[in-house]
């Protein structure tokens, strides 16, 4: 099973709690993404560095597919952001970074456990 089918399509977007998603390798590059969800090389690079300077990340937020998200909460593993009624959950695993956007009426409390749960699983299998 591919990263696309197993994780992006089935676990993230397939949950109904994530609108579009991508898996970015910590060393760079897109492992899988929702159809039409394009993260520029600059955005990918920024994602891989989100967790290196938490204060800078809190101040700057993140830009994904051309949309700016403001940081609500950032820690060594997770970034939670908001853009009007929509939001994003970004979680770092051992080798990858899960990027999952959700759109209203989905709320952060619905999307977050889906993304964090997949991250826990990937960490448990050394990804």
N, C-alpha and C. Protein backbone atom coordinates (compact mmCIF):
# COMPACT_ATOMS: atom_id res chain seq x y z
N UNK A 1 0.83 -1.18 0.00
CA UNK A 1 0.00 0.00 0.00
C UNK A 1 0.88 1.24 0.00
N UNK A 2 0.53 2.24 -0.76
CA UNK A 2 1.34 3.45 -0.87
C UNK A 2 1.03 4.43 0.27
N UNK A 3 1.94 5.38 0.45
CA UNK A 3 1.72 6.45 1.43
C UNK A 3 0.44 7.21 1.08
N UNK A 4 0.23 7.40 -0.22
CA UNK A 4 -0.95 8.13 -0.69
C UNK A 4 -2.23 7.41 -0.26
N UNK A 5 -2.34 6.16 -0.65
CA UNK A 5 -3.57 5.40 -0.39
C UNK A 5 -3.77 5.14 1.09
N UNK A 6 -2.74 4.64 1.76
CA UNK A 6 -2.88 4.21 3.15
C UNK A 6 -3.04 5.37 4.12
N UNK A 7 -2.30 6.43 3.93
CA UNK A 7 -2.26 7.46 4.95
C UNK A 7 -3.00 8.74 4.58
N UNK A 8 -2.72 9.30 3.42
CA UNK A 8 -3.40 10.54 3.05
C UNK A 8 -4.87 10.27 2.72
N UNK A 9 -5.13 9.35 1.78
CA UNK A 9 -6.50 9.11 1.33
C UNK A 9 -7.36 8.43 2.39
N UNK A 10 -6.86 7.36 2.99
CA UNK A 10 -7.67 6.57 3.91
C UNK A 10 -7.72 7.16 5.32
N UNK A 11 -6.56 7.45 5.92
CA UNK A 11 -6.52 7.86 7.32
C UNK A 11 -6.80 9.33 7.56
N UNK A 12 -6.29 10.19 6.72
CA UNK A 12 -6.47 11.62 6.96
C UNK A 12 -7.74 12.14 6.28
N UNK A 13 -7.71 12.28 4.97
CA UNK A 13 -8.87 12.81 4.25
C UNK A 13 -10.05 11.86 4.39
N UNK A 14 -9.79 10.56 4.37
CA UNK A 14 -10.85 9.57 4.49
C UNK A 14 -11.59 9.60 5.81
N UNK A 15 -11.01 10.25 6.82
CA UNK A 15 -11.67 10.36 8.12
C UNK A 15 -12.86 11.31 8.07
N UNK A 16 -12.90 12.16 7.06
CA UNK A 16 -13.94 13.18 6.99
C UNK A 16 -13.66 14.38 7.87
N UNK A 17 -12.56 14.35 8.59
CA UNK A 17 -12.19 15.45 9.50
C UNK A 17 -11.03 16.28 8.98
N UNK A 18 -10.46 15.89 7.83
CA UNK A 18 -9.35 16.60 7.20
C UNK A 18 -9.76 16.87 5.76
N UNK A 19 -9.58 18.11 5.32
CA UNK A 19 -9.99 18.49 3.96
C UNK A 19 -8.94 18.13 2.92
N UNK A 20 -7.69 18.39 3.26
CA UNK A 20 -6.58 18.05 2.35
C UNK A 20 -5.32 17.89 3.19
N UNK A 21 -4.42 17.05 2.67
CA UNK A 21 -3.26 16.71 3.49
C UNK A 21 -2.05 16.37 2.64
N UNK A 22 -0.90 16.40 3.29
CA UNK A 22 0.35 15.99 2.65
C UNK A 22 1.24 15.37 3.71
N UNK A 23 2.14 14.52 3.24
CA UNK A 23 3.20 13.99 4.10
C UNK A 23 4.51 14.45 3.49
N UNK A 24 5.27 15.20 4.28
CA UNK A 24 6.54 15.77 3.85
C UNK A 24 7.66 15.02 4.58
N UNK A 25 8.68 14.61 3.86
CA UNK A 25 9.82 13.98 4.50
C UNK A 25 10.60 15.00 5.29
N UNK A 26 11.14 14.62 6.43
CA UNK A 26 11.92 15.57 7.23
C UNK A 26 13.16 16.06 6.49
N UNK A 27 13.64 15.26 5.54
CA UNK A 27 14.78 15.68 4.74
C UNK A 27 14.33 16.44 3.49
N UNK A 28 13.02 16.67 3.39
CA UNK A 28 12.47 17.38 2.24
C UNK A 28 11.75 16.44 1.30
N UNK A 29 10.97 17.00 0.43
CA UNK A 29 10.23 16.21 -0.56
C UNK A 29 8.86 15.79 -0.06
N UNK A 30 7.94 15.70 -0.99
CA UNK A 30 6.57 15.27 -0.70
C UNK A 30 6.49 13.77 -0.86
N UNK A 31 6.05 13.07 0.18
CA UNK A 31 5.87 11.62 0.09
C UNK A 31 4.49 11.30 -0.48
N UNK A 32 3.51 12.14 -0.15
CA UNK A 32 2.15 11.94 -0.65
C UNK A 32 1.37 13.22 -0.39
N UNK A 33 0.34 13.48 -1.21
CA UNK A 33 -0.50 14.64 -0.97
C UNK A 33 -1.86 14.45 -1.63
N UNK A 34 -2.83 15.19 -1.13
CA UNK A 34 -4.16 15.17 -1.72
C UNK A 34 -4.08 15.70 -3.15
N UNK A 35 -4.92 15.20 -4.03
CA UNK A 35 -4.94 15.71 -5.41
C UNK A 35 -5.15 17.23 -5.41
N UNK A 36 -4.30 17.93 -6.15
CA UNK A 36 -4.41 19.38 -6.27
C UNK A 36 -3.82 20.16 -5.11
N UNK A 37 -3.31 19.48 -4.10
CA UNK A 37 -2.72 20.16 -2.95
C UNK A 37 -1.23 20.27 -3.19
N UNK A 38 -0.79 21.47 -3.56
CA UNK A 38 0.60 21.67 -3.95
C UNK A 38 1.30 22.59 -2.96
N UNK A 39 2.34 22.08 -2.34
CA UNK A 39 3.18 22.88 -1.46
C UNK A 39 4.43 23.25 -2.24
N UNK A 40 4.72 24.54 -2.33
CA UNK A 40 5.88 25.00 -3.09
C UNK A 40 7.16 24.51 -2.42
N UNK A 41 8.28 24.50 -3.15
CA UNK A 41 9.56 24.11 -2.53
C UNK A 41 9.89 24.97 -1.30
N UNK A 42 9.57 26.26 -1.36
CA UNK A 42 9.83 27.14 -0.22
C UNK A 42 8.96 26.75 0.98
N UNK A 43 7.68 26.43 0.71
CA UNK A 43 6.79 26.01 1.79
C UNK A 43 7.26 24.70 2.40
N UNK A 44 7.68 23.77 1.55
CA UNK A 44 8.19 22.49 2.05
C UNK A 44 9.40 22.70 2.95
N UNK A 45 10.30 23.56 2.52
CA UNK A 45 11.51 23.84 3.30
C UNK A 45 11.13 24.46 4.65
N UNK A 46 10.18 25.38 4.63
CA UNK A 46 9.74 26.02 5.87
C UNK A 46 9.12 24.98 6.82
N UNK A 47 8.33 24.06 6.27
CA UNK A 47 7.70 23.01 7.08
C UNK A 47 8.76 22.17 7.78
N UNK A 48 9.84 21.83 7.06
CA UNK A 48 10.88 20.99 7.67
C UNK A 48 11.62 21.71 8.79
N UNK A 49 11.51 23.03 8.85
CA UNK A 49 12.20 23.80 9.88
C UNK A 49 11.27 24.37 10.94
N UNK A 50 9.98 24.05 10.87
CA UNK A 50 9.00 24.60 11.82
C UNK A 50 9.37 24.37 13.27
N UNK A 51 9.97 23.22 13.56
CA UNK A 51 10.17 22.82 14.95
C UNK A 51 11.57 23.11 15.46
N UNK A 52 12.39 23.82 14.67
CA UNK A 52 13.75 24.12 15.12
C UNK A 52 13.83 25.39 15.95
N UNK A 53 12.97 26.37 15.68
CA UNK A 53 12.94 27.61 16.44
C UNK A 53 11.48 27.92 16.75
N UNK A 54 11.01 27.43 17.90
CA UNK A 54 9.59 27.54 18.23
C UNK A 54 9.12 28.98 18.37
N UNK A 55 9.97 29.87 18.89
CA UNK A 55 9.57 31.27 19.03
C UNK A 55 9.36 31.91 17.66
N UNK A 56 10.25 31.63 16.72
CA UNK A 56 10.10 32.17 15.36
C UNK A 56 8.86 31.60 14.69
N UNK A 57 8.59 30.31 14.92
CA UNK A 57 7.41 29.68 14.34
C UNK A 57 6.14 30.30 14.91
N UNK A 58 6.12 30.54 16.21
CA UNK A 58 4.96 31.20 16.83
C UNK A 58 4.73 32.57 16.22
N UNK A 59 5.79 33.29 15.96
CA UNK A 59 5.68 34.65 15.43
C UNK A 59 5.29 34.69 13.96
N UNK A 60 5.79 33.73 13.17
CA UNK A 60 5.59 33.81 11.72
C UNK A 60 4.46 32.95 11.19
N UNK A 61 4.04 31.93 11.95
CA UNK A 61 3.03 31.02 11.43
C UNK A 61 3.59 30.20 10.28
N UNK A 62 2.72 29.78 9.37
CA UNK A 62 3.15 28.96 8.25
C UNK A 62 2.30 29.27 7.03
N UNK A 63 2.90 29.16 5.87
CA UNK A 63 2.19 29.34 4.61
C UNK A 63 2.11 27.98 3.92
N UNK A 64 0.88 27.58 3.55
CA UNK A 64 0.64 26.29 2.92
C UNK A 64 -0.21 26.49 1.67
N UNK A 65 0.29 26.03 0.54
CA UNK A 65 -0.42 26.16 -0.73
C UNK A 65 -0.89 27.61 -0.94
N UNK A 66 -0.02 28.54 -0.56
CA UNK A 66 -0.29 29.95 -0.75
C UNK A 66 -1.15 30.61 0.32
N UNK A 67 -1.61 29.85 1.31
CA UNK A 67 -2.48 30.38 2.37
C UNK A 67 -1.69 30.50 3.68
N UNK A 68 -1.81 31.65 4.32
CA UNK A 68 -1.11 31.91 5.58
C UNK A 68 -1.94 31.46 6.77
N UNK A 69 -1.33 30.68 7.66
CA UNK A 69 -1.97 30.23 8.89
C UNK A 69 -1.21 30.83 10.07
N UNK A 70 -1.94 31.41 11.00
CA UNK A 70 -1.34 31.96 12.21
C UNK A 70 -1.21 30.86 13.26
N UNK A 71 -0.13 30.90 14.00
CA UNK A 71 0.12 29.88 15.03
C UNK A 71 -0.78 30.10 16.23
N UNK A 72 -1.47 29.05 16.63
CA UNK A 72 -2.25 29.06 17.86
C UNK A 72 -1.46 28.39 18.98
N UNK A 73 -0.80 27.28 18.63
CA UNK A 73 0.00 26.53 19.59
C UNK A 73 1.12 25.82 18.83
N UNK A 74 2.30 25.85 19.42
CA UNK A 74 3.46 25.19 18.81
C UNK A 74 4.26 24.53 19.92
N UNK A 75 4.66 23.28 19.71
CA UNK A 75 5.58 22.61 20.62
C UNK A 75 6.58 21.81 19.80
N UNK A 76 7.41 21.00 20.43
CA UNK A 76 8.47 20.29 19.72
C UNK A 76 7.94 19.28 18.71
N UNK A 77 6.68 18.91 18.82
CA UNK A 77 6.10 17.90 17.94
C UNK A 77 5.00 18.43 17.04
N UNK A 78 4.20 19.40 17.51
CA UNK A 78 2.98 19.78 16.81
C UNK A 78 2.84 21.29 16.62
N UNK A 79 2.19 21.63 15.50
CA UNK A 79 1.85 23.02 15.19
C UNK A 79 0.36 23.05 14.92
N UNK A 80 -0.34 23.95 15.59
CA UNK A 80 -1.77 24.15 15.34
C UNK A 80 -1.96 25.58 14.86
N UNK A 81 -2.59 25.73 13.70
CA UNK A 81 -2.75 27.05 13.13
C UNK A 81 -4.17 27.31 12.68
N UNK A 82 -4.45 28.59 12.42
CA UNK A 82 -5.80 29.02 12.07
C UNK A 82 -5.75 30.08 10.98
N UNK A 83 -6.72 30.02 10.09
CA UNK A 83 -6.95 31.06 9.07
C UNK A 83 -8.45 31.23 8.98
N UNK A 84 -8.96 32.30 9.57
CA UNK A 84 -10.40 32.53 9.69
C UNK A 84 -11.05 31.31 10.36
N UNK A 85 -12.02 30.67 9.72
CA UNK A 85 -12.70 29.53 10.34
C UNK A 85 -11.99 28.20 10.06
N UNK A 86 -10.97 28.22 9.20
CA UNK A 86 -10.25 27.00 8.82
C UNK A 86 -8.98 26.86 9.66
N UNK A 87 -8.38 25.67 9.60
CA UNK A 87 -7.19 25.48 10.39
C UNK A 87 -6.28 24.41 9.83
N UNK A 88 -5.16 24.21 10.51
CA UNK A 88 -4.16 23.22 10.10
C UNK A 88 -3.57 22.57 11.34
N UNK A 89 -3.28 21.28 11.20
CA UNK A 89 -2.56 20.52 12.22
C UNK A 89 -1.33 19.95 11.52
N UNK A 90 -0.16 20.24 12.05
CA UNK A 90 1.10 19.73 11.49
C UNK A 90 1.81 18.99 12.61
N UNK A 91 2.16 17.72 12.34
CA UNK A 91 2.77 16.90 13.38
C UNK A 91 4.02 16.21 12.84
N UNK A 92 5.08 16.30 13.61
CA UNK A 92 6.36 15.69 13.23
C UNK A 92 6.44 14.27 13.79
N UNK A 93 6.86 13.34 12.94
CA UNK A 93 7.13 11.97 13.39
C UNK A 93 8.64 11.76 13.34
N UNK A 94 9.10 10.53 13.37
CA UNK A 94 10.54 10.28 13.33
C UNK A 94 11.16 10.64 11.99
N UNK A 95 10.44 10.41 10.89
CA UNK A 95 11.00 10.65 9.56
C UNK A 95 10.17 11.58 8.69
N UNK A 96 8.97 11.88 9.11
CA UNK A 96 8.05 12.64 8.26
C UNK A 96 7.37 13.75 9.05
N UNK A 97 6.66 14.59 8.30
CA UNK A 97 5.84 15.64 8.90
C UNK A 97 4.48 15.56 8.24
N UNK A 98 3.43 15.36 9.05
CA UNK A 98 2.07 15.30 8.54
C UNK A 98 1.50 16.70 8.51
N UNK A 99 0.93 17.09 7.38
CA UNK A 99 0.31 18.39 7.21
C UNK A 99 -1.15 18.14 6.87
N UNK A 100 -2.06 18.60 7.71
CA UNK A 100 -3.48 18.32 7.50
C UNK A 100 -4.30 19.59 7.71
N UNK A 101 -4.95 20.03 6.65
CA UNK A 101 -5.82 21.20 6.73
C UNK A 101 -7.26 20.74 6.91
N UNK A 102 -8.02 21.52 7.66
CA UNK A 102 -9.45 21.26 7.81
C UNK A 102 -10.20 22.55 7.54
N UNK A 103 -11.41 22.41 7.03
CA UNK A 103 -12.23 23.57 6.67
C UNK A 103 -13.52 23.55 7.49
N UNK A 104 -13.99 24.73 7.84
CA UNK A 104 -15.25 24.85 8.56
C UNK A 104 -16.34 24.12 7.77
N UNK A 105 -17.21 23.41 8.43
CA UNK A 105 -17.52 23.45 9.86
C UNK A 105 -16.70 22.50 10.73
N UNK A 106 -15.71 21.81 10.15
CA UNK A 106 -14.85 20.94 10.97
C UNK A 106 -14.08 21.83 11.95
N UNK A 107 -13.97 21.35 13.17
CA UNK A 107 -13.28 22.08 14.22
C UNK A 107 -11.95 21.41 14.57
N UNK A 108 -11.06 22.17 15.19
CA UNK A 108 -9.75 21.66 15.58
C UNK A 108 -9.87 20.40 16.43
N UNK A 109 -10.82 20.36 17.33
CA UNK A 109 -11.01 19.22 18.21
C UNK A 109 -11.41 17.94 17.49
N UNK A 110 -11.91 18.07 16.26
CA UNK A 110 -12.25 16.90 15.45
C UNK A 110 -11.05 16.44 14.62
N UNK A 111 -10.30 17.38 14.06
CA UNK A 111 -9.18 17.05 13.18
C UNK A 111 -7.94 16.62 13.95
N UNK A 112 -7.67 17.26 15.06
CA UNK A 112 -6.44 17.01 15.81
C UNK A 112 -6.24 15.55 16.20
N UNK A 113 -7.23 14.86 16.78
CA UNK A 113 -6.99 13.46 17.16
C UNK A 113 -6.70 12.55 15.97
N UNK A 114 -7.26 12.87 14.81
CA UNK A 114 -7.01 12.07 13.61
C UNK A 114 -5.53 12.17 13.23
N UNK A 115 -5.02 13.39 13.18
CA UNK A 115 -3.64 13.62 12.75
C UNK A 115 -2.66 13.12 13.81
N UNK A 116 -2.92 13.46 15.07
CA UNK A 116 -2.03 13.02 16.15
C UNK A 116 -2.02 11.50 16.27
N UNK A 117 -3.17 10.87 16.06
CA UNK A 117 -3.25 9.41 16.12
C UNK A 117 -2.43 8.74 15.03
N UNK A 118 -2.50 9.27 13.81
CA UNK A 118 -1.68 8.73 12.73
C UNK A 118 -0.20 8.95 13.03
N UNK A 119 0.14 10.11 13.56
CA UNK A 119 1.53 10.37 13.92
C UNK A 119 2.02 9.38 14.97
N UNK A 120 1.20 9.11 15.97
CA UNK A 120 1.58 8.13 17.00
C UNK A 120 1.85 6.77 16.36
N UNK A 121 0.98 6.36 15.44
CA UNK A 121 1.17 5.08 14.76
C UNK A 121 2.49 5.07 13.97
N UNK A 122 2.73 6.11 13.18
CA UNK A 122 3.95 6.17 12.37
C UNK A 122 5.20 6.15 13.25
N UNK A 123 5.15 6.86 14.37
CA UNK A 123 6.28 6.83 15.31
C UNK A 123 6.49 5.41 15.84
N UNK A 124 5.39 4.71 16.13
CA UNK A 124 5.50 3.36 16.68
C UNK A 124 6.13 2.37 15.72
N UNK A 125 6.07 2.68 14.40
CA UNK A 125 6.69 1.80 13.40
C UNK A 125 7.94 2.45 12.81
N UNK A 126 8.52 3.37 13.58
CA UNK A 126 9.77 4.06 13.25
C UNK A 126 9.73 4.93 12.01
N UNK A 127 8.58 5.46 11.70
CA UNK A 127 8.48 6.47 10.65
C UNK A 127 8.13 7.80 11.28
